[in-house]
Amino acid sequence: HMANKSKKGLALIEYLIVHRNESVTNQRLIYTFWANESVTNPESALKTLISRMRATLNQISPELGSCIVAERGAYRCACRI
């Protein structure tokens, strides 16, 4: 189960990197990553996954975690890659 969450987290980061010039809405991320799952609280699942991925990125480099920027109802990748 943890490996599955890691895969989803990595996919989420990749998705934000690919769409780095735009803010990706929470709804779009939820639809993209949880469309085929019955999740009781998808907003919470998204926040938890973002938080977990920030912590993982911070372990690599302190600046990396701050690359995932929360905006009003959206997230975006703010680092130059």
PDB file of N, CA and C in Angstrom:
ATOM      1  N   HIS A   1       0.830  -1.200   0.000  1.00  0.00           N
ATOM      2  CA  HIS A   1       0.000   0.000   0.000  1.00  0.00           C
ATOM      3  C   HIS A   1       0.874   1.263   0.000  1.00  0.00           C
ATOM      4  N   MET A   2       1.957   1.280   0.768  1.00  0.00           N
ATOM      5  CA  MET A   2       2.849   2.442   0.784  1.00  0.00           C
ATOM      6  C   MET A   2       3.507   2.650  -0.572  1.00  0.00           C
ATOM      7  N   ALA A   3       3.891   1.556  -1.223  1.00  0.00           N
ATOM      8  CA  ALA A   3       4.521   1.677  -2.547  1.00  0.00           C
ATOM      9  C   ALA A   3       3.562   2.329  -3.532  1.00  0.00           C
ATOM     10  N   ASN A   4       2.290   1.994  -3.428  1.00  0.00           N
ATOM     11  CA  ASN A   4       1.285   2.585  -4.298  1.00  0.00           C
ATOM     12  C   ASN A   4       1.174   4.092  -4.063  1.00  0.00           C
ATOM     13  N   LYS A   5       1.225   4.501  -2.795  1.00  0.00           N
ATOM     14  CA  LYS A   5       1.174   5.934  -2.470  1.00  0.00           C
ATOM     15  C   LYS A   5       2.406   6.647  -3.003  1.00  0.00           C
ATOM     16  N   SER A   6       3.563   6.004  -2.928  1.00  0.00           N
ATOM     17  CA  SER A   6       4.784   6.605  -3.448  1.00  0.00           C
ATOM     18  C   SER A   6       4.693   6.787  -4.960  1.00  0.00           C
ATOM     19  N   LYS A   7       4.156   5.791  -5.642  1.00  0.00           N
ATOM     20  CA  LYS A   7       3.988   5.892  -7.097  1.00  0.00           C
ATOM     21  C   LYS A   7       3.063   7.049  -7.445  1.00  0.00           C
ATOM     22  N   LYS A   8       1.983   7.159  -6.712  1.00  0.00           N
ATOM     23  CA  LYS A   8       1.017   8.230  -6.955  1.00  0.00           C
ATOM     24  C   LYS A   8       1.672   9.582  -6.660  1.00  0.00           C
ATOM     25  N   GLY A   9       2.446   9.654  -5.594  1.00  0.00           N
ATOM     26  CA  GLY A   9       3.133  10.892  -5.244  1.00  0.00           C
ATOM     27  C   GLY A   9       4.120  11.322  -6.307  1.00  0.00           C
ATOM     28  N   LEU A  10       4.896  10.367  -6.801  1.00  0.00           N
ATOM     29  CA  LEU A  10       5.846  10.670  -7.869  1.00  0.00           C
ATOM     30  C   LEU A  10       5.121  11.106  -9.133  1.00  0.00           C
ATOM     31  N   ALA A  11       4.029  10.427  -9.442  1.00  0.00           N
ATOM     32  CA  ALA A  11       3.234  10.788 -10.623  1.00  0.00           C
ATOM     33  C   ALA A  11       2.670  12.203 -10.474  1.00  0.00           C
ATOM     34  N   LEU A  12       2.270  12.540  -9.249  1.00  0.00           N
ATOM     35  CA  LEU A  12       1.741  13.881  -8.979  1.00  0.00           C
ATOM     36  C   LEU A  12       2.816  14.944  -9.208  1.00  0.00           C
ATOM     37  N   ILE A  13       4.014  14.700  -8.708  1.00  0.00           N
ATOM     38  CA  ILE A  13       5.121  15.644  -8.914  1.00  0.00           C
ATOM     39  C   ILE A  13       5.435  15.767 -10.405  1.00  0.00           C
ATOM     40  N   GLU A  14       5.493  14.642 -11.101  1.00  0.00           N
ATOM     41  CA  GLU A  14       5.749  14.665 -12.546  1.00  0.00           C
ATOM     42  C   GLU A  14       4.682  15.490 -13.266  1.00  0.00           C
ATOM     43  N   TYR A  15       3.436  15.307 -12.876  1.00  0.00           N
ATOM     44  CA  TYR A  15       2.322  16.021 -13.483  1.00  0.00           C
ATOM     45  C   TYR A  15       2.479  17.531 -13.286  1.00  0.00           C
ATOM     46  N   LEU A  16       2.831  17.931 -12.067  1.00  0.00           N
ATOM     47  CA  LEU A  16       3.022  19.358 -11.786  1.00  0.00           C
ATOM     48  C   LEU A  16       4.214  19.925 -12.559  1.00  0.00           C
ATOM     49  N   ILE A  17       5.261  19.114 -12.709  1.00  0.00           N
ATOM     50  CA  ILE A  17       6.433  19.557 -13.477  1.00  0.00           C
ATOM     51  C   ILE A  17       6.063  19.743 -14.950  1.00  0.00           C
ATOM     52  N   VAL A  18       5.356  18.779 -15.500  1.00  0.00           N
ATOM     53  CA  VAL A  18       4.936  18.866 -16.903  1.00  0.00           C
ATOM     54  C   VAL A  18       4.065  20.105 -17.136  1.00  0.00           C
ATOM     55  N   HIS A  19       3.232  20.418 -16.146  1.00  0.00           N
ATOM     56  CA  HIS A  19       2.327  21.576 -16.256  1.00  0.00           C
ATOM     57  C   HIS A  19       2.855  22.770 -15.454  1.00  0.00           C
ATOM     58  N   ARG A  20       4.183  22.902 -15.374  1.00  0.00           N
ATOM     59  CA  ARG A  20       4.786  23.875 -14.464  1.00  0.00           C
ATOM     60  C   ARG A  20       4.475  25.333 -14.790  1.00  0.00           C
ATOM     61  N   ASN A  21       4.034  25.622 -15.976  1.00  0.00           N
ATOM     62  CA  ASN A  21       3.719  27.014 -16.315  1.00  0.00           C
ATOM     63  C   ASN A  21       2.279  27.382 -16.005  1.00  0.00           C
ATOM     64  N   GLU A  22       1.573  26.482 -15.328  1.00  0.00           N
ATOM     65  CA  GLU A  22       0.173  26.773 -15.018  1.00  0.00           C
ATOM     66  C   GLU A  22      -0.175  26.283 -13.613  1.00  0.00           C
ATOM     67  N   SER A  23      -1.226  26.863 -13.071  1.00  0.00           N
ATOM     68  CA  SER A  23      -1.764  26.380 -11.798  1.00  0.00           C
ATOM     69  C   SER A  23      -2.735  25.257 -12.117  1.00  0.00           C
ATOM     70  N   VAL A  24      -2.546  24.129 -11.476  1.00  0.00           N
ATOM     71  CA  VAL A  24      -3.415  22.979 -11.706  1.00  0.00           C
ATOM     72  C   VAL A  24      -4.420  22.924 -10.559  1.00  0.00           C
ATOM     73  N   THR A  25      -5.701  22.992 -10.893  1.00  0.00           N
ATOM     74  CA  THR A  25      -6.722  23.037  -9.841  1.00  0.00           C
ATOM     75  C   THR A  25      -6.765  21.729  -9.056  1.00  0.00           C
ATOM     76  N   ASN A  26      -7.188  21.848  -7.811  1.00  0.00           N
ATOM     77  CA  ASN A  26      -7.356  20.664  -6.967  1.00  0.00           C
ATOM     78  C   ASN A  26      -8.304  19.679  -7.638  1.00  0.00           C
ATOM     79  N   GLN A  27      -9.389  20.190  -8.219  1.00  0.00           N
ATOM     80  CA  GLN A  27     -10.363  19.307  -8.872  1.00  0.00           C
ATOM     81  C   GLN A  27      -9.733  18.517 -10.009  1.00  0.00           C
ATOM     82  N   ARG A  28      -8.888  19.161 -10.793  1.00  0.00           N
ATOM     83  CA  ARG A  28      -8.223  18.469 -11.897  1.00  0.00           C
ATOM     84  C   ARG A  28      -7.271  17.394 -11.368  1.00  0.00           C
ATOM     85  N   LEU A  29      -6.537  17.720 -10.303  1.00  0.00           N
ATOM     86  CA  LEU A  29      -5.620  16.736  -9.713  1.00  0.00           C
ATOM     87  C   LEU A  29      -6.397  15.558  -9.131  1.00  0.00           C
ATOM     88  N   ILE A  30      -7.482  15.851  -8.447  1.00  0.00           N
ATOM     89  CA  ILE A  30      -8.303  14.784  -7.868  1.00  0.00           C
ATOM     90  C   ILE A  30      -8.874  13.900  -8.969  1.00  0.00           C
ATOM     91  N   TYR A  31      -9.377  14.525 -10.018  1.00  0.00           N
ATOM     92  CA  TYR A  31      -9.934  13.749 -11.138  1.00  0.00           C
ATOM     93  C   TYR A  31      -8.851  12.895 -11.787  1.00  0.00           C
ATOM     94  N   THR A  32      -7.665  13.482 -11.948  1.00  0.00           N
ATOM     95  CA  THR A  32      -6.562  12.771 -12.607  1.00  0.00           C
ATOM     96  C   THR A  32      -6.051  11.593 -11.774  1.00  0.00           C
ATOM     97  N   PHE A  33      -5.937  11.791 -10.464  1.00  0.00           N
ATOM     98  CA  PHE A  33      -5.282  10.769  -9.638  1.00  0.00           C
ATOM     99  C   PHE A  33      -6.212   9.895  -8.803  1.00  0.00           C
ATOM    100  N   TRP A  34      -7.468  10.293  -8.655  1.00  0.00           N
ATOM    101  CA  TRP A  34      -8.388   9.490  -7.848  1.00  0.00           C
ATOM    102  C   TRP A  34      -9.690   9.158  -8.578  1.00  0.00           C
ATOM    103  N   ALA A  35      -9.727   9.342  -9.890  1.00  0.00           N
ATOM    104  CA  ALA A  35     -10.967   9.135 -10.651  1.00  0.00           C
ATOM    105  C   ALA A  35     -11.521   7.722 -10.500  1.00  0.00           C
ATOM    106  N   ASN A  36     -10.650   6.739 -10.472  1.00  0.00           N
ATOM    107  CA  ASN A  36     -11.102   5.352 -10.435  1.00  0.00           C
ATOM    108  C   ASN A  36     -11.119   4.762  -9.037  1.00  0.00           C
ATOM    109  N   GLU A  37     -11.011   5.612  -8.021  1.00  0.00           N
ATOM    110  CA  GLU A  37     -10.990   5.127  -6.643  1.00  0.00           C
ATOM    111  C   GLU A  37     -12.136   5.754  -5.871  1.00  0.00           C
ATOM    112  N   SER A  38     -12.627   5.026  -4.906  1.00  0.00           N
ATOM    113  CA  SER A  38     -13.641   5.630  -4.036  1.00  0.00           C
ATOM    114  C   SER A  38     -12.927   6.133  -2.790  1.00  0.00           C
ATOM    115  N   VAL A  39     -12.662   7.412  -2.761  1.00  0.00           N
ATOM    116  CA  VAL A  39     -11.982   8.056  -1.642  1.00  0.00           C
ATOM    117  C   VAL A  39     -13.016   8.907  -0.918  1.00  0.00           C
ATOM    118  N   THR A  40     -13.103   8.735   0.387  1.00  0.00           N
ATOM    119  CA  THR A  40     -14.112   9.459   1.158  1.00  0.00           C
ATOM    120  C   THR A  40     -13.907  10.965   1.078  1.00  0.00           C
ATOM    121  N   ASN A  41     -12.649  11.404   1.241  1.00  0.00           N
ATOM    122  CA  ASN A  41     -12.364  12.831   1.222  1.00  0.00           C
ATOM    123  C   ASN A  41     -11.182  13.094   0.284  1.00  0.00           C
ATOM    124  N   PRO A  42     -11.449  13.233  -1.015  1.00  0.00           N
ATOM    125  CA  PRO A  42     -10.353  13.405  -1.976  1.00  0.00           C
ATOM    126  C   PRO A  42      -9.525  14.672  -1.743  1.00  0.00           C
ATOM    127  N   GLU A  43     -10.140  15.757  -1.258  1.00  0.00           N
ATOM    128  CA  GLU A  43      -9.384  16.988  -0.962  1.00  0.00           C
ATOM    129  C   GLU A  43      -8.328  16.708   0.104  1.00  0.00           C
ATOM    130  N   SER A  44      -8.729  15.989   1.135  1.00  0.00           N
ATOM    131  CA  SER A  44      -7.815  15.640   2.212  1.00  0.00           C
ATOM    132  C   SER A  44      -6.713  14.705   1.707  1.00  0.00           C
ATOM    133  N   ALA A  45      -7.086  13.743   0.870  1.00  0.00           N
ATOM    134  CA  ALA A  45      -6.104  12.809   0.306  1.00  0.00           C
ATOM    135  C   ALA A  45      -5.063  13.574  -0.521  1.00  0.00           C
ATOM    136  N   LEU A  46      -5.522  14.571  -1.277  1.00  0.00           N
ATOM    137  CA  LEU A  46      -4.609  15.386  -2.081  1.00  0.00           C
ATOM    138  C   LEU A  46      -3.667  16.179  -1.179  1.00  0.00           C
ATOM    139  N   LYS A  47      -4.196  16.835  -0.162  1.00  0.00           N
ATOM    140  CA  LYS A  47      -3.374  17.615   0.767  1.00  0.00           C
ATOM    141  C   LYS A  47      -2.332  16.739   1.447  1.00  0.00           C
ATOM    142  N   THR A  48      -2.752  15.550   1.866  1.00  0.00           N
ATOM    143  CA  THR A  48      -1.840  14.618   2.533  1.00  0.00           C
ATOM    144  C   THR A  48      -0.719  14.196   1.590  1.00  0.00           C
ATOM    145  N   LEU A  49      -1.089  13.882   0.351  1.00  0.00           N
ATOM    146  CA  LEU A  49      -0.082  13.443  -0.619  1.00  0.00           C
ATOM    147  C   LEU A  49       0.888  14.577  -0.943  1.00  0.00           C
ATOM    148  N   ILE A  50       0.376  15.785  -1.114  1.00  0.00           N
ATOM    149  CA  ILE A  50       1.246  16.947  -1.378  1.00  0.00           C
ATOM    150  C   ILE A  50       2.199  17.140  -0.204  1.00  0.00           C
ATOM    151  N   SER A  51       1.685  17.069   1.003  1.00  0.00           N
ATOM    152  CA  SER A  51       2.504  17.238   2.200  1.00  0.00           C
ATOM    153  C   SER A  51       3.598  16.175   2.269  1.00  0.00           C
ATOM    154  N   ARG A  52       3.223  14.945   1.990  1.00  0.00           N
ATOM    155  CA  ARG A  52       4.183  13.829   2.013  1.00  0.00           C
ATOM    156  C   ARG A  52       5.273  14.031   0.952  1.00  0.00           C
ATOM    157  N   MET A  53       4.868  14.505  -0.230  1.00  0.00           N
ATOM    158  CA  MET A  53       5.839  14.689  -1.298  1.00  0.00           C
ATOM    159  C   MET A  53       6.760  15.875  -1.009  1.00  0.00           C
ATOM    160  N   ARG A  54       6.227  16.926  -0.384  1.00  0.00           N
ATOM    161  CA  ARG A  54       7.086  18.051   0.024  1.00  0.00           C
ATOM    162  C   ARG A  54       8.146  17.567   1.004  1.00  0.00           C
ATOM    163  N   ALA A  55       7.736  16.742   1.963  1.00  0.00           N
ATOM    164  CA  ALA A  55       8.681  16.212   2.960  1.00  0.00           C
ATOM    165  C   ALA A  55       9.759  15.368   2.274  1.00  0.00           C
ATOM    166  N   THR A  56       9.347  14.567   1.311  1.00  0.00           N
ATOM    167  CA  THR A  56      10.301  13.738   0.563  1.00  0.00           C
ATOM    168  C   THR A  56      11.278  14.625  -0.203  1.00  0.00           C
ATOM    169  N   LEU A  57      10.759  15.639  -0.884  1.00  0.00           N
ATOM    170  CA  LEU A  57      11.620  16.560  -1.639  1.00  0.00           C
ATOM    171  C   LEU A  57      12.564  17.321  -0.709  1.00  0.00           C
ATOM    172  N   ASN A  58      12.087  17.703   0.468  1.00  0.00           N
ATOM    173  CA  ASN A  58      12.931  18.410   1.439  1.00  0.00           C
ATOM    174  C   ASN A  58      14.105  17.556   1.900  1.00  0.00           C
ATOM    175  N   GLN A  59      13.910  16.237   1.927  1.00  0.00           N
ATOM    176  CA  GLN A  59      15.006  15.338   2.315  1.00  0.00           C
ATOM    177  C   GLN A  59      16.111  15.367   1.265  1.00  0.00           C
ATOM    178  N   ILE A  60      15.722  15.571   0.015  1.00  0.00           N
ATOM    179  CA  ILE A  60      16.705  15.644  -1.070  1.00  0.00           C
ATOM    180  C   ILE A  60      17.424  16.990  -1.015  1.00  0.00           C
ATOM    181  N   SER A  61      16.638  18.050  -0.916  1.00  0.00           N
ATOM    182  CA  SER A  61      17.192  19.397  -0.837  1.00  0.00           C
ATOM    183  C   SER A  61      16.137  20.328  -0.247  1.00  0.00           C
ATOM    184  N   PRO A  62      16.525  21.163   0.717  1.00  0.00           N
ATOM    185  CA  PRO A  62      15.557  22.044   1.376  1.00  0.00           C
ATOM    186  C   PRO A  62      14.760  22.934   0.424  1.00  0.00           C
ATOM    187  N   GLU A  63      15.357  23.329  -0.681  1.00  0.00           N
ATOM    188  CA  GLU A  63      14.650  24.187  -1.632  1.00  0.00           C
ATOM    189  C   GLU A  63      13.581  23.428  -2.406  1.00  0.00           C
ATOM    190  N   LEU A  64      13.775  22.143  -2.595  1.00  0.00           N
ATOM    191  CA  LEU A  64      12.856  21.374  -3.434  1.00  0.00           C
ATOM    192  C   LEU A  64      11.439  21.321  -2.889  1.00  0.00           C
ATOM    193  N   GLY A  65      11.305  21.186  -1.589  1.00  0.00           N
ATOM    194  CA  GLY A  65       9.973  21.096  -0.992  1.00  0.00           C
ATOM    195  C   GLY A  65       9.136  22.332  -1.247  1.00  0.00           C
ATOM    196  N   SER A  66       9.808  23.479  -1.315  1.00  0.00           N
ATOM    197  CA  SER A  66       9.069  24.722  -1.552  1.00  0.00           C
ATOM    198  C   SER A  66       8.725  24.928  -3.022  1.00  0.00           C
ATOM    199  N   CYS A  67       9.140  24.007  -3.864  1.00  0.00           N
ATOM    200  CA  CYS A  67       8.796  24.092  -5.289  1.00  0.00           C
ATOM    201  C   CYS A  67       7.302  23.866  -5.525  1.00  0.00           C
ATOM    202  N   ILE A  68       6.684  23.072  -4.672  1.00  0.00           N
ATOM    203  CA  ILE A  68       5.252  22.817  -4.821  1.00  0.00           C
ATOM    204  C   ILE A  68       4.524  23.930  -4.077  1.00  0.00           C
ATOM    205  N   VAL A  69       3.926  24.826  -4.841  1.00  0.00           N
ATOM    206  CA  VAL A  69       3.280  25.999  -4.278  1.00  0.00           C
ATOM    207  C   VAL A  69       1.767  25.825  -4.270  1.00  0.00           C
ATOM    208  N   ALA A  70       1.184  26.095  -3.115  1.00  0.00           N
ATOM    209  CA  ALA A  70      -0.272  26.045  -3.001  1.00  0.00           C
ATOM    210  C   ALA A  70      -0.821  27.413  -3.375  1.00  0.00           C
ATOM    211  N   GLU A  71      -1.806  27.415  -4.228  1.00  0.00           N
ATOM    212  CA  GLU A  71      -2.497  28.641  -4.576  1.00  0.00           C
ATOM    213  C   GLU A  71      -3.958  28.433  -4.218  1.00  0.00           C
ATOM    214  N   ARG A  72      -4.772  29.393  -4.445  1.00  0.00           N
ATOM    215  CA  ARG A  72      -6.178  29.285  -4.083  1.00  0.00           C
ATOM    216  C   ARG A  72      -6.845  28.170  -4.890  1.00  0.00           C
ATOM    217  N   GLY A  73      -7.044  27.014  -4.252  1.00  0.00           N
ATOM    218  CA  GLY A  73      -7.705  25.898  -4.920  1.00  0.00           C
ATOM    219  C   GLY A  73      -6.880  25.236  -6.008  1.00  0.00           C
ATOM    220  N   ALA A  74      -5.551  25.433  -5.951  1.00  0.00           N
ATOM    221  CA  ALA A  74      -4.687  24.864  -6.988  1.00  0.00           C
ATOM    222  C   ALA A  74      -3.261  24.683  -6.458  1.00  0.00           C
ATOM    223  N   TYR A  75      -2.477  23.944  -7.215  1.00  0.00           N
ATOM    224  CA  TYR A  75      -1.055  23.786  -6.926  1.00  0.00           C
ATOM    225  C   TYR A  75      -0.278  24.031  -8.206  1.00  0.00           C
ATOM    226  N   ARG A  76       0.990  24.432  -8.039  1.00  0.00           N
ATOM    227  CA  ARG A  76       1.843  24.532  -9.207  1.00  0.00           C
ATOM    228  C   ARG A  76       3.288  24.276  -8.804  1.00  0.00           C
ATOM    229  N   CYS A  77       4.072  23.949  -9.797  1.00  0.00           N
ATOM    230  CA  CYS A  77       5.503  23.738  -9.608  1.00  0.00           C
ATOM    231  C   CYS A  77       6.187  25.082  -9.890  1.00  0.00           C
ATOM    232  N   ALA A  78       6.881  25.619  -8.884  1.00  0.00           N
ATOM    233  CA  ALA A  78       7.465  26.961  -9.011  1.00  0.00           C
ATOM    234  C   ALA A  78       8.964  26.947  -9.232  1.00  0.00           C
ATOM    235  N   CYS A  79       9.581  25.774  -9.311  1.00  0.00           N
ATOM    236  CA  CYS A  79      11.034  25.716  -9.476  1.00  0.00           C
ATOM    237  C   CYS A  79      11.410  25.638 -10.954  1.00  0.00           C
ATOM    238  N   ARG A  80      12.557  26.177 -11.236  1.00  0.00           N
ATOM    239  CA  ARG A  80      13.093  26.025 -12.597  1.00  0.00           C
ATOM    240  C   ARG A  80      13.715  24.636 -12.679  1.00  0.00           C
ATOM    241  N   ILE A  81      13.287  23.914 -13.694  1.00  0.00           N
ATOM    242  CA  ILE A  81      13.773  22.532 -13.800  1.00  0.00           C
ATOM    243  C   ILE A  81      14.422  22.341 -15.159  1.00  0.00           C
TER     244      ILE A  81
END
